[in-house]
Amino acid sequence: MAKKKEETINLENILFKCRDHLRQARNSGSFFEKRDMMLTLVFLRFIGEKFDDGIEKLRQKLIEEGLDPDDPDIQAAFFEDATFTDDTYYLPVEARWSTIINTPAPQLNVALDTALSSIAATNKQLKGCFIEGTFTSRNLAPNDIKKVVDEVNKISHKAFGEEKDLIGRVYEYFLKEFAVNATKEEGEYYTPHDVVQLIAAMIEPFDGTLYDPCCGSGGMFIQSADLIKSKQGDISRINIYGQEKEPATYRLAKMNLALRGLSHNLGDEADSTFTHDLHKGINFDYIMANPPFNLKSWYDSALENDARWADYSTPPDSNANYAWILHILSHLKSKGVAGFLLANGALNDDVAQNIRQKLIENDKVEAIIILPRELFITTDISVTLWILNQDKKGGNYHGRELRNRSGEVLFMDLRTWTENAVKGEQKKKVRLDEEQIKKAADIYHTWQNVGTNGANYAVPELYRSVKVWNKDLTPEEMQNNVNTIESCNFTLTPSKYIEFIDHDLEIDYESEMKRIQAEMRDIVNAEKNSQKMLQDAFGGIGYEIN
């Protein structure tokens, strides 16, 4: 008998099984209800494991101090209401994963909701991260809920990366696997780790206030926090603000940030950033965002004279791209910087041309970076990273001396950076590796830095610094018909400015034609030989075909 192949334990396999169990289970609800159940279970598993780790560390510390952690008096003094100095939360017995996993299947639904109620009652920061009564309201059959809980028990931040956005990875999986149509309709896109790292590496949100007007599951904050910790180690120097429209995703973001011990203000409720700006009047040092691409049905008549676009014009109601841009701009401090993603159509959208032109004339656009296709799991469209800067006049920025970049915009085209394929995906997907992210950030930062001449800052097929105004061109540039943004009717499409080489001109036609001639000679001779063999064969049997 053949030996059974050992199953590989990874996050995708576990979630695939959970998805199948929930699909087959009665009363498991809609896509969103299935997703919420899974995310809540992962939350309980995650917070439970961190509690167990915290208790174990506490035991070891007591032993090192010569105390017996199993002594009843020590237990009462240190363990019955333990406090932790990191982002570990104390959990009552009924809320611990060890209690849940050992609960008999018929009592699991009640035990899970008891855990949620207990957490909400004892941890104010975690209240609002989930819906109490989630499991008893669905009331999955004992066998079904037990199967799912047993699978979730295999998820460990030790195995799958404590430093990464584990909750976000689960969220991404269910966006991808459960309902592709729902993700398009609802505009939900999880921003991949490498894309967030690229934005953060560019704008360097290392201190002050950081805002995301459509924060989703909070992945931008989680992954930016990782970068901040790696650079300076002090996450307390950044204050997080955000807003999210979808109630389930809002709860998820609160869950995610609370688990990471990140202080945050997401407002008191889930609501539309456009119709109910929860942070109205507050300006921020940094803004990072991945708004829903080409969002329709965003407009409300009450927004016609909104202060956010009073200095420009009302964005078109057919597409929210420029509404997001103006909203972001309205929340930037006088020296604030924003990095956000938009679909490529916003670069030359005729309907919003007047807004784009004024943004450029007001010198708010600093850099435009087209990214490779296939970076996202939930969409394969090509997207652009926009960087807005309220102050391009120069000065000190995180220890770098910046030159005056007024009247200049940096264009980059990274569409050829597709060599890093992601393995194990059902569809083609690529990622940007650390070296590529550093290279892109270095191109941008070098362009900003004192000592760089923007007029000569270009590499064909990769990047180019471009002047906004025709009047700023030198006589030599005018003679060479150098493009400005004004001369290109204020389009921001990088291909209008970055030099692309006609590689056909590099061909040595004389040697290439000799090579082709030799190949054709061989083909013609081979055909002649075949024809002669055919004629000889028919002639041999008395049927000439000459």
Protein backbone atom coordinates (compact mmCIF):
# COMPACT_ATOMS: atom_id res chain seq x y z
CA MET A 1 0.00 0.00 0.00
CA ALA A 2 1.39 3.41 -1.01
CA LYS A 3 2.34 5.70 1.83
CA LYS A 4 -0.07 8.60 2.19
CA LYS A 5 1.57 11.88 1.22
CA GLU A 6 1.96 14.18 4.20
CA GLU A 7 -0.26 17.24 3.88
CA THR A 8 1.45 20.60 3.76
CA ILE A 9 0.13 22.84 6.52
CA ASN A 10 -0.14 26.42 5.31
CA LEU A 11 -2.60 29.25 5.63
CA GLU A 12 -4.09 28.75 2.17
CA ASN A 13 -4.81 25.06 2.81
CA ILE A 14 -6.45 25.80 6.16
CA LEU A 15 -8.64 28.56 4.78
CA PHE A 16 -9.57 26.46 1.75
CA LYS A 17 -10.89 23.76 4.08
CA CYS A 18 -12.77 26.30 6.21
CA ARG A 19 -14.33 27.75 3.07
CA ASP A 20 -15.51 24.33 1.95
CA HIS A 21 -16.91 23.48 5.40
CA LEU A 22 -18.87 26.74 5.46
CA ARG A 23 -20.14 26.30 1.91
CA GLN A 24 -21.54 22.89 2.76
CA ALA A 25 -22.92 23.85 6.16
CA ARG A 26 -26.55 24.82 6.59
CA ASN A 27 -27.31 28.29 7.96
CA SER A 28 -23.79 29.58 7.24
CA GLY A 29 -25.25 32.72 5.69
CA SER A 30 -24.06 35.09 2.97
CA PHE A 31 -20.51 35.67 1.77
CA PHE A 32 -20.12 38.50 4.27
CA GLU A 33 -21.50 36.44 7.16
CA LYS A 34 -19.16 33.54 6.34
CA ARG A 35 -16.24 35.96 6.13
CA ASP A 36 -17.16 37.64 9.42
CA MET A 37 -17.45 34.27 11.16
CA MET A 38 -14.02 33.25 9.91
CA LEU A 39 -12.37 36.56 10.79
CA THR A 40 -13.89 36.48 14.27
CA LEU A 41 -12.59 32.95 14.80
CA VAL A 42 -9.12 33.95 13.62
CA PHE A 43 -9.31 36.95 15.96
CA LEU A 44 -10.15 34.67 18.93
CA ARG A 45 -7.36 32.30 17.94
CA PHE A 46 -4.85 35.12 17.49
CA ILE A 47 -5.66 36.93 20.73
CA GLY A 48 -5.80 33.61 22.59
CA GLU A 49 -2.38 32.56 21.39
CA LYS A 50 -0.86 35.90 22.35
CA PHE A 51 -2.40 35.53 25.82
CA ASP A 52 -0.92 32.04 26.18
CA ASP A 53 2.48 33.40 25.09
CA GLY A 54 2.18 36.25 27.57
CA ILE A 55 1.37 33.88 30.43
CA GLU A 56 4.32 31.66 29.52
CA LYS A 57 6.68 34.66 29.49
CA LEU A 58 5.30 35.70 32.87
CA ARG A 59 5.93 32.19 34.24
CA GLN A 60 9.53 32.25 33.02
CA LYS A 61 10.10 35.69 34.52
CA LEU A 62 8.80 34.53 37.91
CA ILE A 63 11.04 31.46 37.80
CA GLU A 64 14.04 33.67 37.00
CA GLU A 65 13.17 35.75 40.07
CA GLY A 66 13.10 32.61 42.25
CA LEU A 67 9.30 32.40 42.55
CA ASP A 68 7.12 29.34 41.99
CA PRO A 69 4.47 30.16 39.33
CA ASP A 70 2.38 27.16 40.48
CA ASP A 71 2.13 28.36 44.07
CA PRO A 72 -1.53 29.31 44.81
CA ASP A 73 -0.55 32.64 46.36
CA ILE A 74 1.69 33.51 43.38
CA GLN A 75 -1.10 32.43 41.05
CA ALA A 76 -3.55 34.75 42.80
CA ALA A 77 -1.11 37.66 42.85
CA PHE A 78 0.20 37.46 39.28
CA PHE A 79 -2.11 35.40 37.09
CA GLU A 80 -5.74 35.96 38.07
CA ASP A 81 -5.79 39.44 36.52
CA ALA A 82 -2.47 39.56 34.72
CA THR A 83 -1.26 42.79 33.16
CA PHE A 84 1.09 42.92 30.19
CA THR A 85 3.44 45.62 28.93
CA ASP A 86 3.06 44.74 25.24
CA ASP A 87 -0.07 44.42 23.05
CA THR A 88 -1.28 41.29 24.89
CA TYR A 89 -4.77 41.49 26.42
CA TYR A 90 -5.82 39.70 29.59
CA LEU A 91 -8.56 37.16 28.85
CA PRO A 92 -11.04 35.68 31.35
CA VAL A 93 -11.10 31.87 31.38
CA GLU A 94 -14.21 31.66 29.20
CA ALA A 95 -12.59 33.84 26.50
CA ARG A 96 -9.38 31.86 26.16
CA TRP A 97 -8.72 29.75 23.09
CA SER A 98 -7.75 26.82 25.32
CA THR A 99 -11.30 26.89 26.70
CA ILE A 100 -12.88 27.15 23.24
CA ILE A 101 -10.90 24.37 21.61
CA ASN A 102 -11.74 21.97 24.45
CA THR A 103 -15.48 22.73 24.39
CA PRO A 104 -17.67 19.81 23.15
CA ALA A 105 -19.11 20.40 19.69
CA PRO A 106 -22.79 20.81 20.82
CA GLN A 107 -21.79 23.72 23.12
CA LEU A 108 -19.36 25.45 20.74
CA ASN A 109 -21.69 28.15 19.36
CA VAL A 110 -22.65 29.27 22.86
CA ALA A 111 -19.04 29.08 24.08
CA LEU A 112 -17.82 31.28 21.21
CA ASP A 113 -20.43 33.97 21.85
CA THR A 114 -19.72 33.81 25.57
CA ALA A 115 -16.07 34.48 24.77
CA LEU A 116 -17.01 37.50 22.64
CA SER A 117 -19.29 38.96 25.32
CA SER A 118 -16.62 38.49 27.96
CA ILE A 119 -13.96 40.21 25.83
CA ALA A 120 -16.29 43.15 25.07
CA ALA A 121 -17.06 43.54 28.78
CA THR A 122 -13.47 43.42 30.01
CA ASN A 123 -11.50 45.16 27.23
CA LYS A 124 -12.86 48.53 26.12
CA GLN A 125 -10.37 48.75 23.27
CA LEU A 126 -11.71 45.51 21.78
CA LYS A 127 -15.39 46.45 22.08
CA GLY A 128 -16.82 47.06 18.62
CA CYS A 129 -14.35 44.74 16.88
CA PHE A 130 -17.01 42.07 16.35
CA ILE A 131 -20.75 41.44 16.54
CA GLU A 132 -21.78 39.76 19.74
CA GLY A 133 -24.08 36.79 19.16
CA THR A 134 -22.41 35.98 15.81
CA PHE A 135 -22.34 32.22 16.34
CA THR A 136 -25.62 31.52 18.11
CA SER A 137 -27.48 33.59 15.53
CA ARG A 138 -26.07 31.40 12.73
CA ASN A 139 -26.27 28.26 14.91
CA LEU A 140 -24.20 25.96 12.74
CA ALA A 141 -24.63 22.25 13.34
CA PRO A 142 -22.20 20.92 16.00
CA ASN A 143 -20.22 18.90 13.47
CA ASP A 144 -19.88 21.90 11.11
CA ILE A 145 -18.72 24.45 13.67
CA LYS A 146 -16.34 21.90 15.19
CA LYS A 147 -14.69 21.25 11.80
CA VAL A 148 -14.11 24.95 11.26
CA VAL A 149 -12.80 25.60 14.78
CA ASP A 150 -10.40 22.64 14.47
CA GLU A 151 -9.01 24.10 11.23
CA VAL A 152 -8.62 27.58 12.74
CA ASN A 153 -6.76 25.98 15.64
CA LYS A 154 -3.95 25.22 13.16
CA ILE A 155 -3.44 28.95 12.49
CA SER A 156 -0.53 30.26 14.50
CA HIS A 157 1.20 33.61 14.28
CA LYS A 158 4.39 31.70 15.09
CA ALA A 159 4.00 29.60 11.95
CA PHE A 160 2.55 32.21 9.59
CA GLY A 161 4.36 35.36 10.61
CA GLU A 162 3.72 37.42 13.70
CA GLU A 163 5.27 40.44 12.03
CA LYS A 164 2.89 40.36 9.07
CA ASP A 165 -0.75 41.33 8.72
CA LEU A 166 -2.21 37.87 9.46
CA ILE A 167 -5.79 39.10 9.86
CA GLY A 168 -5.37 41.02 6.60
CA ARG A 169 -4.13 37.91 4.82
CA VAL A 170 -7.24 36.02 5.91
CA TYR A 171 -9.38 38.96 4.75
CA GLU A 172 -7.58 38.95 1.38
CA TYR A 173 -8.18 35.22 0.99
CA PHE A 174 -11.92 35.53 1.45
CA LEU A 175 -12.13 38.47 -0.93
CA LYS A 176 -10.38 36.33 -3.50
CA GLU A 177 -12.02 32.95 -2.91
CA PHE A 178 -15.56 33.58 -1.73
CA ALA A 179 -17.03 36.19 -4.04
CA VAL A 180 -15.12 37.91 -6.82
CA ASN A 181 -18.28 39.71 -7.93
CA ALA A 182 -18.87 41.03 -4.43
CA THR A 183 -15.39 42.52 -4.29
CA LYS A 184 -15.99 44.41 -7.53
CA GLU A 185 -19.39 45.69 -6.53
CA GLU A 186 -18.37 46.68 -3.03
CA GLY A 187 -15.03 48.12 -4.12
CA GLU A 188 -13.09 46.12 -1.55
CA TYR A 189 -9.43 45.62 -2.35
CA TYR A 190 -6.82 44.42 0.08
CA THR A 191 -3.57 46.27 -0.60
CA PRO A 192 -0.67 43.80 -0.93
CA HIS A 193 2.21 44.06 1.52
CA ASP A 194 4.75 45.05 -1.15
CA VAL A 195 2.59 47.90 -2.48
CA VAL A 196 2.14 49.35 1.02
CA GLN A 197 5.88 49.05 1.60
CA LEU A 198 6.52 50.94 -1.64
CA ILE A 199 4.22 53.83 -0.65
CA ALA A 200 5.67 53.98 2.88
CA ALA A 201 9.26 53.82 1.58
CA MET A 202 8.47 56.74 -0.73
CA ILE A 203 6.77 59.17 1.67
CA GLU A 204 8.42 57.98 4.93
CA PRO A 205 5.56 58.40 7.46
CA PHE A 206 7.88 58.13 10.47
CA ASP A 207 6.34 60.64 12.89
CA GLY A 208 3.27 62.82 13.30
CA THR A 209 -0.21 61.91 12.05
CA LEU A 210 -1.09 59.27 9.44
CA TYR A 211 -4.54 59.13 7.80
CA ASP A 212 -6.28 56.67 5.49
CA PRO A 213 -9.73 57.87 4.29
CA CYS A 214 -10.76 54.37 3.15
CA CYS A 215 -8.79 52.21 5.54
CA GLY A 216 -10.41 48.82 4.82
CA SER A 217 -9.02 46.18 7.17
CA GLY A 218 -6.28 48.51 8.42
CA GLY A 219 -3.53 46.86 6.39
CA MET A 220 -1.95 50.18 5.43
CA PHE A 221 -1.48 51.00 9.12
CA ILE A 222 -0.26 47.53 10.12
CA GLN A 223 2.33 47.31 7.39
CA SER A 224 3.45 50.92 7.75
CA ALA A 225 3.94 50.27 11.46
CA ASP A 226 6.26 47.39 10.59
CA LEU A 227 8.37 49.72 8.43
CA ILE A 228 8.42 52.43 11.12
CA LYS A 229 9.58 49.89 13.72
CA SER A 230 12.35 48.67 11.42
CA LYS A 231 13.54 52.25 10.79
CA GLN A 232 13.33 53.78 14.26
CA GLY A 233 11.65 51.30 16.58
CA ASP A 234 9.21 53.80 18.09
CA ILE A 235 5.67 53.36 16.77
CA SER A 236 4.35 55.75 19.45
CA ARG A 237 5.63 58.67 17.34
CA ILE A 238 2.84 58.16 14.79
CA ASN A 239 -0.87 58.77 15.46
CA ILE A 240 -3.30 56.81 13.28
CA TYR A 241 -6.58 58.13 11.88
CA GLY A 242 -8.91 56.40 9.46
CA GLN A 243 -12.42 55.91 8.15
CA GLU A 244 -14.23 52.95 6.60
CA LYS A 245 -17.67 52.76 5.02
CA GLU A 246 -18.49 49.05 5.39
CA PRO A 247 -19.48 48.10 8.98
CA ALA A 248 -17.94 44.61 8.82
CA THR A 249 -14.66 45.96 7.47
CA TYR A 250 -14.68 48.78 10.04
CA ARG A 251 -14.93 46.18 12.80
CA LEU A 252 -12.12 44.23 11.19
CA ALA A 253 -9.86 47.30 11.12
CA LYS A 254 -10.52 47.96 14.81
CA MET A 255 -9.80 44.29 15.52
CA ASN A 256 -6.58 44.39 13.54
CA LEU A 257 -5.24 47.59 15.12
CA ALA A 258 -6.21 46.57 18.65
CA LEU A 259 -4.42 43.25 18.26
CA ARG A 260 -1.28 45.13 17.25
CA GLY A 261 -1.50 47.54 20.15
CA LEU A 262 -1.70 50.50 17.75
CA SER A 263 -3.47 53.56 19.12
CA HIS A 264 -6.03 54.70 16.57
CA ASN A 265 -9.04 56.88 15.82
CA LEU A 266 -11.39 55.39 13.21
CA GLY A 267 -14.34 57.49 14.30
CA ASP A 268 -17.29 56.20 16.27
CA GLU A 269 -18.95 54.39 13.38
CA ALA A 270 -18.64 53.12 9.84
CA ASP A 271 -19.72 55.73 7.29
CA SER A 272 -19.00 57.22 3.87
CA THR A 273 -15.97 59.49 3.74
CA PHE A 274 -17.74 61.68 1.18
CA THR A 275 -21.13 62.20 2.81
CA HIS A 276 -19.99 62.06 6.45
CA ASP A 277 -16.34 62.96 6.90
CA LEU A 278 -15.62 61.78 10.45
CA HIS A 279 -12.37 63.79 10.63
CA LYS A 280 -13.62 67.03 9.14
CA GLY A 281 -11.35 69.98 9.92
CA ILE A 282 -8.34 67.83 10.88
CA ASN A 283 -5.20 67.99 8.73
CA PHE A 284 -2.52 65.30 8.68
CA ASP A 285 1.21 64.99 8.08
CA TYR A 286 0.87 61.90 5.90
CA ILE A 287 -1.94 60.25 3.98
CA MET A 288 -1.77 56.75 2.52
CA ALA A 289 -4.74 55.25 0.69
CA ASN A 290 -5.96 52.69 -1.78
CA PRO A 291 -9.43 54.00 -2.68
CA PRO A 292 -11.90 51.78 -4.57
CA PHE A 293 -10.93 52.05 -8.22
CA ASN A 294 -13.31 54.00 -10.50
CA LEU A 295 -16.03 54.09 -7.84
CA LYS A 296 -19.45 54.98 -9.21
CA SER A 297 -22.58 56.14 -7.36
CA TRP A 298 -20.50 58.09 -4.86
CA TYR A 299 -22.14 61.45 -5.43
CA ASP A 300 -24.85 63.10 -3.37
CA SER A 301 -26.49 66.42 -4.25
CA ALA A 302 -25.48 67.79 -0.84
CA LEU A 303 -21.84 67.59 -1.98
CA GLU A 304 -22.20 70.08 -4.83
CA ASN A 305 -20.67 73.03 -2.94
CA ASP A 306 -18.55 71.00 -0.54
CA ALA A 307 -15.54 72.85 0.87
CA ARG A 308 -13.20 70.04 -0.20
CA TRP A 309 -13.48 71.06 -3.85
CA ALA A 310 -14.36 74.73 -3.46
CA ASP A 311 -10.97 75.79 -4.87
CA TYR A 312 -11.33 73.47 -7.85
CA SER A 313 -14.70 72.25 -9.12
CA THR A 314 -17.13 69.49 -8.23
CA PRO A 315 -15.65 66.14 -9.33
CA PRO A 316 -17.64 64.20 -11.96
CA ASP A 317 -20.40 62.07 -10.47
CA SER A 318 -19.57 59.26 -12.91
CA ASN A 319 -16.31 58.41 -11.14
CA ALA A 320 -14.94 59.15 -7.66
CA ASN A 321 -11.24 59.24 -8.59
CA TYR A 322 -10.90 63.02 -8.43
CA ALA A 323 -13.21 63.24 -5.43
CA TRP A 324 -10.68 61.06 -3.57
CA ILE A 325 -7.81 63.26 -4.76
CA LEU A 326 -9.46 66.47 -3.58
CA HIS A 327 -10.58 64.89 -0.31
CA ILE A 328 -7.00 63.76 0.37
CA LEU A 329 -5.58 67.17 -0.56
CA SER A 330 -8.06 68.92 1.76
CA HIS A 331 -6.75 66.91 4.74
CA LEU A 332 -3.02 67.55 4.18
CA LYS A 333 -1.09 69.90 6.41
CA SER A 334 0.84 72.77 4.82
CA LYS A 335 3.89 70.52 4.54
CA GLY A 336 1.96 67.25 4.25
CA VAL A 337 2.65 64.42 1.81
CA ALA A 338 0.21 61.85 0.41
CA GLY A 339 0.77 58.59 -1.46
CA PHE A 340 -2.27 56.80 -2.88
CA LEU A 341 -3.32 54.45 -5.66
CA LEU A 342 -5.72 55.15 -8.51
CA ALA A 343 -6.68 53.38 -11.74
CA ASN A 344 -4.61 54.58 -14.71
CA GLY A 345 -7.62 56.25 -16.31
CA ALA A 346 -7.30 59.16 -13.86
CA LEU A 347 -4.04 60.20 -15.55
CA ASN A 348 -5.77 61.59 -18.62
CA ASP A 349 -9.49 61.57 -17.80
CA ASP A 350 -11.08 64.19 -20.09
CA VAL A 351 -14.07 64.72 -17.79
CA ALA A 352 -11.82 65.82 -14.91
CA GLN A 353 -9.21 67.58 -17.04
CA ASN A 354 -9.90 70.99 -15.48
CA ILE A 355 -9.30 69.63 -11.95
CA ARG A 356 -6.12 67.84 -12.98
CA GLN A 357 -4.81 70.98 -14.70
CA LYS A 358 -5.40 73.11 -11.62
CA LEU A 359 -3.75 70.51 -9.35
CA ILE A 360 -0.67 70.70 -11.57
CA GLU A 361 -0.79 74.51 -11.82
CA ASN A 362 -1.04 74.71 -8.03
CA ASP A 363 2.09 72.51 -7.86
CA LYS A 364 0.46 69.78 -5.76
CA VAL A 365 1.53 66.80 -7.90
CA GLU A 366 5.04 65.61 -7.07
CA ALA A 367 5.37 62.13 -8.61
CA ILE A 368 3.42 59.71 -10.81
CA ILE A 369 4.52 56.05 -10.74
CA ILE A 370 2.84 53.43 -12.93
CA LEU A 371 3.01 50.02 -11.26
CA PRO A 372 3.20 46.55 -12.83
CA ARG A 373 0.01 44.69 -13.63
CA GLU A 374 -1.05 41.68 -11.55
CA LEU A 375 0.08 43.12 -8.21
CA PHE A 376 -3.41 42.68 -6.75
CA ILE A 377 -5.22 39.38 -6.28
CA THR A 378 -8.71 40.84 -6.59
CA THR A 379 -8.07 42.85 -9.76
CA ASP A 380 -5.53 42.68 -12.58
CA ILE A 381 -5.83 46.28 -13.83
CA SER A 382 -2.75 48.46 -13.97
CA VAL A 383 -2.68 51.16 -11.31
CA THR A 384 -0.77 54.34 -10.58
CA LEU A 385 0.83 55.57 -7.38
CA TRP A 386 0.26 59.32 -7.03
CA ILE A 387 2.34 61.42 -4.65
CA LEU A 388 0.97 64.83 -3.69
CA ASN A 389 3.12 67.30 -1.78
CA GLN A 390 1.91 70.56 -0.27
CA ASP A 391 5.43 71.99 -0.15
CA LYS A 392 7.92 71.29 -2.97
CA LYS A 393 10.15 74.24 -2.11
CA GLY A 394 12.78 72.21 -0.26
CA GLY A 395 14.20 72.02 3.25
CA ASN A 396 15.01 69.27 5.74
CA TYR A 397 12.91 66.10 5.56
CA HIS A 398 13.81 63.13 7.80
CA GLY A 399 17.46 64.12 7.73
CA ARG A 400 17.59 64.72 3.98
CA GLU A 401 18.11 68.19 2.48
CA LEU A 402 15.57 68.61 -0.29
CA ARG A 403 15.99 70.96 -3.22
CA ASN A 404 13.30 73.22 -4.65
CA ARG A 405 11.23 71.04 -7.03
CA SER A 406 8.62 73.68 -7.83
CA GLY A 407 7.33 73.36 -11.35
CA GLU A 408 8.64 69.79 -11.72
CA VAL A 409 6.98 66.38 -11.65
CA LEU A 410 8.79 63.03 -11.53
CA PHE A 411 7.38 60.29 -13.77
CA MET A 412 8.29 56.62 -13.32
CA ASP A 413 7.16 53.55 -15.26
CA LEU A 414 7.65 50.22 -13.45
CA ARG A 415 5.47 48.09 -15.72
CA THR A 416 8.41 45.93 -16.78
CA TRP A 417 9.22 44.95 -13.18
CA THR A 418 7.33 41.68 -13.46
CA GLU A 419 10.09 39.11 -12.92
CA ASN A 420 9.01 38.14 -9.39
CA ALA A 421 6.07 35.80 -9.87
CA VAL A 422 4.14 34.76 -6.76
CA LYS A 423 3.99 30.98 -6.47
CA GLY A 424 0.91 29.04 -5.47
CA GLU A 425 -1.68 31.47 -6.83
CA GLN A 426 -4.54 30.32 -9.04
CA LYS A 427 -3.98 33.31 -11.31
CA LYS A 428 -0.90 35.13 -12.43
CA LYS A 429 0.41 37.50 -9.78
CA VAL A 430 3.69 39.33 -9.30
CA ARG A 431 5.25 41.17 -6.41
CA LEU A 432 7.85 43.85 -5.86
CA ASP A 433 10.79 42.60 -3.83
CA GLU A 434 12.79 44.62 -1.29
CA GLU A 435 15.50 45.48 -3.80
CA GLN A 436 12.97 46.85 -6.29
CA ILE A 437 11.16 48.86 -3.59
CA LYS A 438 14.49 50.35 -2.47
CA LYS A 439 15.45 51.16 -6.07
CA ALA A 440 12.16 52.96 -6.75
CA ALA A 441 12.38 54.91 -3.48
CA ASP A 442 16.01 55.83 -4.21
CA ILE A 443 15.04 57.19 -7.64
CA TYR A 444 12.40 59.39 -6.02
CA HIS A 445 14.54 60.51 -3.07
CA THR A 446 17.58 61.26 -5.25
CA TRP A 447 15.37 63.42 -7.47
CA GLN A 448 14.20 65.31 -4.35
CA ASN A 449 17.64 65.77 -2.83
CA VAL A 450 19.88 68.82 -3.00
CA GLY A 451 22.54 68.38 -5.70
CA THR A 452 20.27 66.81 -8.32
CA ASN A 453 19.60 68.70 -11.54
CA GLY A 454 15.99 67.97 -12.45
CA ALA A 455 16.51 69.10 -16.05
CA ASN A 456 18.84 66.14 -16.66
CA TYR A 457 17.23 63.57 -14.37
CA ALA A 458 16.14 60.77 -16.68
CA VAL A 459 16.74 57.16 -17.62
CA PRO A 460 15.02 55.99 -20.82
CA GLU A 461 12.10 53.61 -20.27
CA LEU A 462 12.24 54.09 -16.47
CA TYR A 463 11.92 57.69 -15.24
CA ARG A 464 12.15 61.37 -16.13
CA SER A 465 11.78 64.69 -14.34
CA VAL A 466 9.47 66.95 -16.35
CA LYS A 467 8.86 70.69 -16.17
CA VAL A 468 5.30 71.93 -15.95
CA TRP A 469 5.63 75.16 -17.91
CA ASN A 470 6.90 75.92 -21.41
CA LYS A 471 8.35 79.20 -20.08
CA ASP A 472 10.75 77.27 -17.83
CA LEU A 473 12.47 75.49 -20.72
CA THR A 474 16.03 76.47 -21.60
CA PRO A 475 16.74 77.59 -25.20
CA GLU A 476 18.41 74.22 -25.81
CA GLU A 477 15.37 72.35 -24.49
CA MET A 478 13.08 74.46 -26.66
CA GLN A 479 15.23 73.72 -29.70
CA ASN A 480 15.06 70.00 -28.95
CA ASN A 481 11.24 70.15 -28.54
CA VAL A 482 11.38 68.84 -24.98
CA ASN A 483 7.89 68.02 -23.69
CA THR A 484 6.41 69.91 -20.78
CA ILE A 485 3.19 69.01 -19.00
CA GLU A 486 1.65 72.21 -20.38
CA SER A 487 2.58 71.25 -23.95
CA CYS A 488 0.91 67.84 -23.45
CA ASN A 489 -2.39 69.43 -22.37
CA PHE A 490 -1.78 68.57 -18.69
CA THR A 491 -1.99 64.82 -19.10
CA LEU A 492 -0.11 62.81 -16.47
CA THR A 493 0.47 59.69 -18.56
CA PRO A 494 4.17 58.80 -18.08
CA SER A 495 4.60 57.50 -21.63
CA LYS A 496 4.06 61.07 -22.87
CA TYR A 497 7.29 62.12 -21.16
CA ILE A 498 9.59 59.17 -20.51
CA GLU A 499 11.85 58.37 -23.45
CA PHE A 500 11.19 54.99 -25.01
CA ILE A 501 13.88 53.55 -27.23
CA ASP A 502 13.02 52.02 -30.59
CA HIS A 503 15.01 48.83 -30.17
CA ASP A 504 14.51 48.02 -33.86
CA LEU A 505 17.03 50.78 -34.58
CA GLU A 506 19.67 48.82 -32.67
CA ILE A 507 19.50 45.91 -35.12
CA ASP A 508 22.42 45.36 -37.53
CA TYR A 509 20.28 44.88 -40.62
CA GLU A 510 23.15 43.64 -42.83
CA SER A 511 24.07 40.73 -40.51
CA GLU A 512 20.41 40.08 -39.63
CA MET A 513 19.43 39.80 -43.32
CA LYS A 514 22.35 37.44 -43.98
CA ARG A 515 21.16 35.26 -41.11
CA ILE A 516 17.60 35.20 -42.48
CA GLN A 517 18.96 34.55 -46.01
CA ALA A 518 20.88 31.49 -44.78
CA GLU A 519 17.79 30.16 -42.96
CA MET A 520 15.59 30.64 -46.03
CA ARG A 521 18.20 28.94 -48.24
CA ASP A 522 18.10 25.88 -45.97
CA ILE A 523 14.28 25.85 -46.04
CA VAL A 524 14.14 26.14 -49.85
CA ASN A 525 16.74 23.39 -50.30
CA ALA A 526 14.84 21.13 -47.90
CA GLU A 527 11.64 21.69 -49.88
CA LYS A 528 13.47 20.89 -53.14
CA ASN A 529 14.79 17.64 -51.67
CA SER A 530 11.32 16.68 -50.44
CA GLN A 531 9.84 17.43 -53.89
CA LYS A 532 12.47 15.28 -55.62
CA MET A 533 11.87 12.38 -53.21
CA LEU A 534 8.13 12.56 -53.93
CA GLN A 535 8.69 12.62 -57.70
CA ASP A 536 11.09 9.65 -57.52
CA ALA A 537 8.63 7.67 -55.40
CA PHE A 538 5.76 8.11 -57.88
CA GLY A 539 8.11 7.48 -60.83
CA GLY A 540 9.21 4.22 -59.23
CA ILE A 541 5.69 2.84 -59.41
CA GLY A 542 5.10 4.03 -62.98
CA TYR A 543 3.22 7.28 -62.27
CA GLU A 544 5.41 10.20 -63.26
CA ILE A 545 4.29 13.57 -61.82
CA ASN A 546 6.71 15.82 -63.72
